[in-house]
Amino acid sequence: MVTQREKFSVRAERSAMQSPDAVASNVQVWLRAIADTFGRVSLKETFNRLSRITGLTVGQVKRLYYAEWRVIPAHVFLAVANAYRSAIARAQAFADHQRTVWAALSKEWDDEWNDISSSAEPASPDGEPTACSDGLSR
């Protein structure tokens, strides 16, 4: 016999599930987000790359990209979800690398130019202090 608590649990699980249209929309958004990382390439190249990344056929990728499927099979959903997670991980690693590079360049710039920019006396090319308009050197 099913108790009231079990009925509530089943209803809660059903409400937490997404509709097939929402799943299809999510898959389309994920594929397009992955495709945006490719830069400016043709659609044919985009579909080929998405196919290689997800392990799906080019035809499946096209149908997903254009949201032609109303119901997405689980294995297709999981393939796209895994590819999307991998793309996010790659983007995060690239951002971390860029942050490290810029921090190193900033430190190098500060180390090299900090002494020159902090001096109070402007120097002439021969290293002597320059004279001001009143004839006094500073």
C-alpha atoms as a PDB file:
ATOM      1  CA  MET A   1       0.000   0.000   0.000  1.00  0.00           C
ATOM      2  CA  VAL A   2       1.341   3.439  -1.004  1.00  0.00           C
ATOM      3  CA  THR A   3       1.474   5.942   1.817  1.00  0.00           C
ATOM      4  CA  GLN A   4       0.773   9.665   1.599  1.00  0.00           C
ATOM      5  CA  ARG A   5       4.455  10.401   2.089  1.00  0.00           C
ATOM      6  CA  GLU A   6       5.443   8.243  -0.912  1.00  0.00           C
ATOM      7  CA  LYS A   7       2.819   9.962  -3.101  1.00  0.00           C
ATOM      8  CA  PHE A   8       4.231  13.350  -2.149  1.00  0.00           C
ATOM      9  CA  SER A   9       7.761  12.159  -2.939  1.00  0.00           C
ATOM     10  CA  VAL A  10       6.757  10.971  -6.408  1.00  0.00           C
ATOM     11  CA  ARG A  11       4.963  14.254  -7.134  1.00  0.00           C
ATOM     12  CA  ALA A  12       8.012  16.232  -5.994  1.00  0.00           C
ATOM     13  CA  GLU A  13      10.279  14.213  -8.278  1.00  0.00           C
ATOM     14  CA  ARG A  14       7.974  14.735 -11.249  1.00  0.00           C
ATOM     15  CA  SER A  15       7.796  18.473 -10.698  1.00  0.00           C
ATOM     16  CA  ALA A  16      11.598  18.635 -10.497  1.00  0.00           C
ATOM     17  CA  MET A  17      11.914  16.952 -13.908  1.00  0.00           C
ATOM     18  CA  GLN A  18      12.107  19.180 -16.928  1.00  0.00           C
ATOM     19  CA  SER A  19       9.716  18.979 -19.814  1.00  0.00           C
ATOM     20  CA  PRO A  20      10.996  17.503 -23.082  1.00  0.00           C
ATOM     21  CA  ASP A  21      10.910  20.972 -24.645  1.00  0.00           C
ATOM     22  CA  ALA A  22      13.058  22.399 -21.853  1.00  0.00           C
ATOM     23  CA  VAL A  23      15.574  19.573 -22.244  1.00  0.00           C
ATOM     24  CA  ALA A  24      15.740  20.146 -26.008  1.00  0.00           C
ATOM     25  CA  SER A  25      16.202  23.868 -25.426  1.00  0.00           C
ATOM     26  CA  ASN A  26      19.023  23.228 -22.935  1.00  0.00           C
ATOM     27  CA  VAL A  27      20.799  20.913 -25.363  1.00  0.00           C
ATOM     28  CA  GLN A  28      20.524  23.496 -28.124  1.00  0.00           C
ATOM     29  CA  VAL A  29      21.933  26.229 -25.844  1.00  0.00           C
ATOM     30  CA  TRP A  30      24.814  23.961 -24.795  1.00  0.00           C
ATOM     31  CA  LEU A  31      25.707  23.091 -28.401  1.00  0.00           C
ATOM     32  CA  ARG A  32      25.624  26.723 -29.433  1.00  0.00           C
ATOM     33  CA  ALA A  33      27.791  27.691 -26.447  1.00  0.00           C
ATOM     34  CA  ILE A  34      30.364  25.074 -27.449  1.00  0.00           C
ATOM     35  CA  ALA A  35      30.180  26.281 -31.062  1.00  0.00           C
ATOM     36  CA  ASP A  36      30.842  29.872 -29.961  1.00  0.00           C
ATOM     37  CA  THR A  37      34.286  28.793 -28.772  1.00  0.00           C
ATOM     38  CA  PHE A  38      35.240  27.833 -32.341  1.00  0.00           C
ATOM     39  CA  GLY A  39      35.369  31.418 -33.561  1.00  0.00           C
ATOM     40  CA  ARG A  40      34.275  32.317 -37.053  1.00  0.00           C
ATOM     41  CA  VAL A  41      34.008  29.027 -38.918  1.00  0.00           C
ATOM     42  CA  SER A  42      31.436  27.758 -41.375  1.00  0.00           C
ATOM     43  CA  LEU A  43      28.384  25.834 -40.214  1.00  0.00           C
ATOM     44  CA  LYS A  44      29.718  22.728 -41.906  1.00  0.00           C
ATOM     45  CA  GLU A  45      32.936  22.970 -39.890  1.00  0.00           C
ATOM     46  CA  THR A  46      30.940  23.749 -36.743  1.00  0.00           C
ATOM     47  CA  PHE A  47      28.817  20.629 -37.180  1.00  0.00           C
ATOM     48  CA  ASN A  48      31.896  18.499 -37.886  1.00  0.00           C
ATOM     49  CA  ARG A  49      33.656  19.769 -34.758  1.00  0.00           C
ATOM     50  CA  LEU A  50      30.564  19.308 -32.601  1.00  0.00           C
ATOM     51  CA  SER A  51      30.220  15.802 -33.970  1.00  0.00           C
ATOM     52  CA  ARG A  52      33.803  14.942 -33.038  1.00  0.00           C
ATOM     53  CA  ILE A  53      33.462  16.472 -29.578  1.00  0.00           C
ATOM     54  CA  THR A  54      30.143  14.829 -28.681  1.00  0.00           C
ATOM     55  CA  GLY A  55      30.585  11.523 -30.478  1.00  0.00           C
ATOM     56  CA  LEU A  56      27.261  12.018 -32.269  1.00  0.00           C
ATOM     57  CA  THR A  57      26.703  11.937 -36.010  1.00  0.00           C
ATOM     58  CA  VAL A  58      26.688  15.158 -38.000  1.00  0.00           C
ATOM     59  CA  GLY A  59      22.989  14.623 -38.726  1.00  0.00           C
ATOM     60  CA  GLN A  60      22.181  14.295 -35.030  1.00  0.00           C
ATOM     61  CA  VAL A  61      24.174  17.431 -34.250  1.00  0.00           C
ATOM     62  CA  LYS A  62      22.319  19.382 -36.957  1.00  0.00           C
ATOM     63  CA  ARG A  63      18.931  18.288 -35.639  1.00  0.00           C
ATOM     64  CA  LEU A  64      19.939  19.257 -32.098  1.00  0.00           C
ATOM     65  CA  TYR A  65      21.480  22.561 -33.199  1.00  0.00           C
ATOM     66  CA  TYR A  66      18.286  23.579 -35.007  1.00  0.00           C
ATOM     67  CA  ALA A  67      16.020  22.125 -32.256  1.00  0.00           C
ATOM     68  CA  GLU A  68      14.276  19.708 -34.599  1.00  0.00           C
ATOM     69  CA  TRP A  69      13.957  16.969 -31.969  1.00  0.00           C
ATOM     70  CA  ARG A  70      11.074  17.301 -29.531  1.00  0.00           C
ATOM     71  CA  VAL A  71      12.268  14.429 -27.341  1.00  0.00           C
ATOM     72  CA  ILE A  72      15.990  13.859 -26.868  1.00  0.00           C
ATOM     73  CA  PRO A  73      17.220  10.319 -26.126  1.00  0.00           C
ATOM     74  CA  ALA A  74      19.114   9.977 -22.864  1.00  0.00           C
ATOM     75  CA  HIS A  75      22.409   8.906 -24.465  1.00  0.00           C
ATOM     76  CA  VAL A  76      22.333  11.961 -26.740  1.00  0.00           C
ATOM     77  CA  PHE A  77      21.551  14.273 -23.829  1.00  0.00           C
ATOM     78  CA  LEU A  78      24.401  12.807 -21.782  1.00  0.00           C
ATOM     79  CA  ALA A  79      26.868  13.106 -24.676  1.00  0.00           C
ATOM     80  CA  VAL A  80      26.076  16.795 -25.114  1.00  0.00           C
ATOM     81  CA  ALA A  81      26.091  17.426 -21.348  1.00  0.00           C
ATOM     82  CA  ASN A  82      29.535  15.813 -21.014  1.00  0.00           C
ATOM     83  CA  ALA A  83      30.887  17.805 -23.962  1.00  0.00           C
ATOM     84  CA  TYR A  84      29.508  21.012 -22.431  1.00  0.00           C
ATOM     85  CA  ARG A  85      31.134  20.252 -19.072  1.00  0.00           C
ATOM     86  CA  SER A  86      34.433  19.559 -20.835  1.00  0.00           C
ATOM     87  CA  ALA A  87      34.161  22.830 -22.762  1.00  0.00           C
ATOM     88  CA  ILE A  88      33.576  24.721 -19.523  1.00  0.00           C
ATOM     89  CA  ALA A  89      36.593  23.016 -17.925  1.00  0.00           C
ATOM     90  CA  ARG A  90      38.769  23.922 -20.931  1.00  0.00           C
ATOM     91  CA  ALA A  91      37.568  27.531 -20.822  1.00  0.00           C
ATOM     92  CA  GLN A  92      38.311  27.707 -17.089  1.00  0.00           C
ATOM     93  CA  ALA A  93      41.811  26.312 -17.605  1.00  0.00           C
ATOM     94  CA  PHE A  94      42.432  28.812 -20.412  1.00  0.00           C
ATOM     95  CA  ALA A  95      41.216  31.697 -18.223  1.00  0.00           C
ATOM     96  CA  ASP A  96      43.493  30.562 -15.390  1.00  0.00           C
ATOM     97  CA  HIS A  97      46.426  30.415 -17.816  1.00  0.00           C
ATOM     98  CA  GLN A  98      45.665  33.901 -19.165  1.00  0.00           C
ATOM     99  CA  ARG A  99      45.388  35.290 -15.626  1.00  0.00           C
ATOM    100  CA  THR A 100      48.793  33.788 -14.754  1.00  0.00           C
ATOM    101  CA  VAL A 101      50.399  35.199 -17.891  1.00  0.00           C
ATOM    102  CA  TRP A 102      49.005  38.680 -17.288  1.00  0.00           C
ATOM    103  CA  ALA A 103      50.065  38.613 -13.640  1.00  0.00           C
ATOM    104  CA  ALA A 104      53.619  37.678 -14.673  1.00  0.00           C
ATOM    105  CA  LEU A 105      53.716  40.413 -17.321  1.00  0.00           C
ATOM    106  CA  SER A 106      52.379  42.959 -14.839  1.00  0.00           C
ATOM    107  CA  LYS A 107      55.015  41.973 -12.267  1.00  0.00           C
ATOM    108  CA  GLU A 108      57.749  42.160 -14.899  1.00  0.00           C
ATOM    109  CA  TRP A 109      56.555  45.620 -15.954  1.00  0.00           C
ATOM    110  CA  ASP A 110      56.450  46.835 -12.353  1.00  0.00           C
ATOM    111  CA  ASP A 111      59.909  45.455 -11.606  1.00  0.00           C
ATOM    112  CA  GLU A 112      61.431  47.065 -14.692  1.00  0.00           C
ATOM    113  CA  TRP A 113      59.709  50.454 -14.694  1.00  0.00           C
ATOM    114  CA  ASN A 114      58.965  51.131 -11.031  1.00  0.00           C
ATOM    115  CA  ASP A 115      62.347  52.762 -10.308  1.00  0.00           C
ATOM    116  CA  ILE A 116      62.212  55.103 -13.316  1.00  0.00           C
ATOM    117  CA  SER A 117      58.622  56.219 -12.817  1.00  0.00           C
ATOM    118  CA  SER A 118      59.132  56.913  -9.115  1.00  0.00           C
ATOM    119  CA  SER A 119      62.164  59.232  -9.453  1.00  0.00           C
ATOM    120  CA  ALA A 120      61.437  62.874  -8.659  1.00  0.00           C
ATOM    121  CA  GLU A 121      64.134  64.371 -10.913  1.00  0.00           C
ATOM    122  CA  PRO A 122      63.700  64.052 -14.653  1.00  0.00           C
ATOM    123  CA  ALA A 123      67.056  63.179 -16.208  1.00  0.00           C
ATOM    124  CA  SER A 124      68.483  64.354 -19.510  1.00  0.00           C
ATOM    125  CA  PRO A 125      69.693  61.732 -21.991  1.00  0.00           C
ATOM    126  CA  ASP A 126      73.260  62.107 -20.666  1.00  0.00           C
ATOM    127  CA  GLY A 127      72.092  61.399 -17.091  1.00  0.00           C
ATOM    128  CA  GLU A 128      72.363  64.920 -15.647  1.00  0.00           C
ATOM    129  CA  PRO A 129      69.378  66.695 -14.052  1.00  0.00           C
ATOM    130  CA  THR A 130      67.579  69.027 -16.416  1.00  0.00           C
ATOM    131  CA  ALA A 131      67.395  72.797 -15.843  1.00  0.00           C
ATOM    132  CA  CYS A 132      64.035  74.440 -15.261  1.00  0.00           C
ATOM    133  CA  SER A 133      62.932  77.707 -16.879  1.00  0.00           C
ATOM    134  CA  ASP A 134      64.165  79.710 -13.877  1.00  0.00           C
ATOM    135  CA  GLY A 135      67.718  78.386 -14.401  1.00  0.00           C
ATOM    136  CA  LEU A 136      67.732  76.168 -11.328  1.00  0.00           C
ATOM    137  CA  SER A 137      68.315  72.463 -11.636  1.00  0.00           C
ATOM    138  CA  ARG A 138      66.028  70.083  -9.855  1.00  0.00           C
END
